[in-house]
Amino acid sequence: MEDNEFSSLPPCGGNDTAFIKVRRHPRRTHDRCAARVRGKKYPVKNWSISGLLMSADERRFSDGVEEEFRMMFALRRTLGIGVEHKRNIVRRCLGEVAIEFAPLTDLIRGKFQKVIDKTP
């Protein structure tokens, strides 16, 4: 009986392939990067030109609050790029915080593109 009740529900956690196709930009999961918010560094699970998902205590963040943050990328052993921008919390749950970037300036977009171009 329980199987029938749940069979019509979509898979949880965004694993549905239709969900992935809806994204505006492809997610990057293999870059070495972190986000610094209020002086504390958080590991980034994935990111795109429009936002990121980081590992963090969700209780430390509030939905809808726009504030500055810095993303740090390690491209090679001696080369790194820092990108400072504004962000908005869009989702918090179970040790993860999803962030949507404020509209990108040409300068910020260029820095993100440099990371994309320099990583496989």
Foldseek 3Di string as FASTA:
>chain_A
DVCVVCVPPDDPDQPDVVSQVPDPFHKDQPWFKWKADPNDTWGWRIATPFWTKTFAQLVVDDAFDKDKMKMKTDLDPPDIDIAIFIWGWHDDDDRMTIITTDDDDPVRSVSVVVSVVSHD
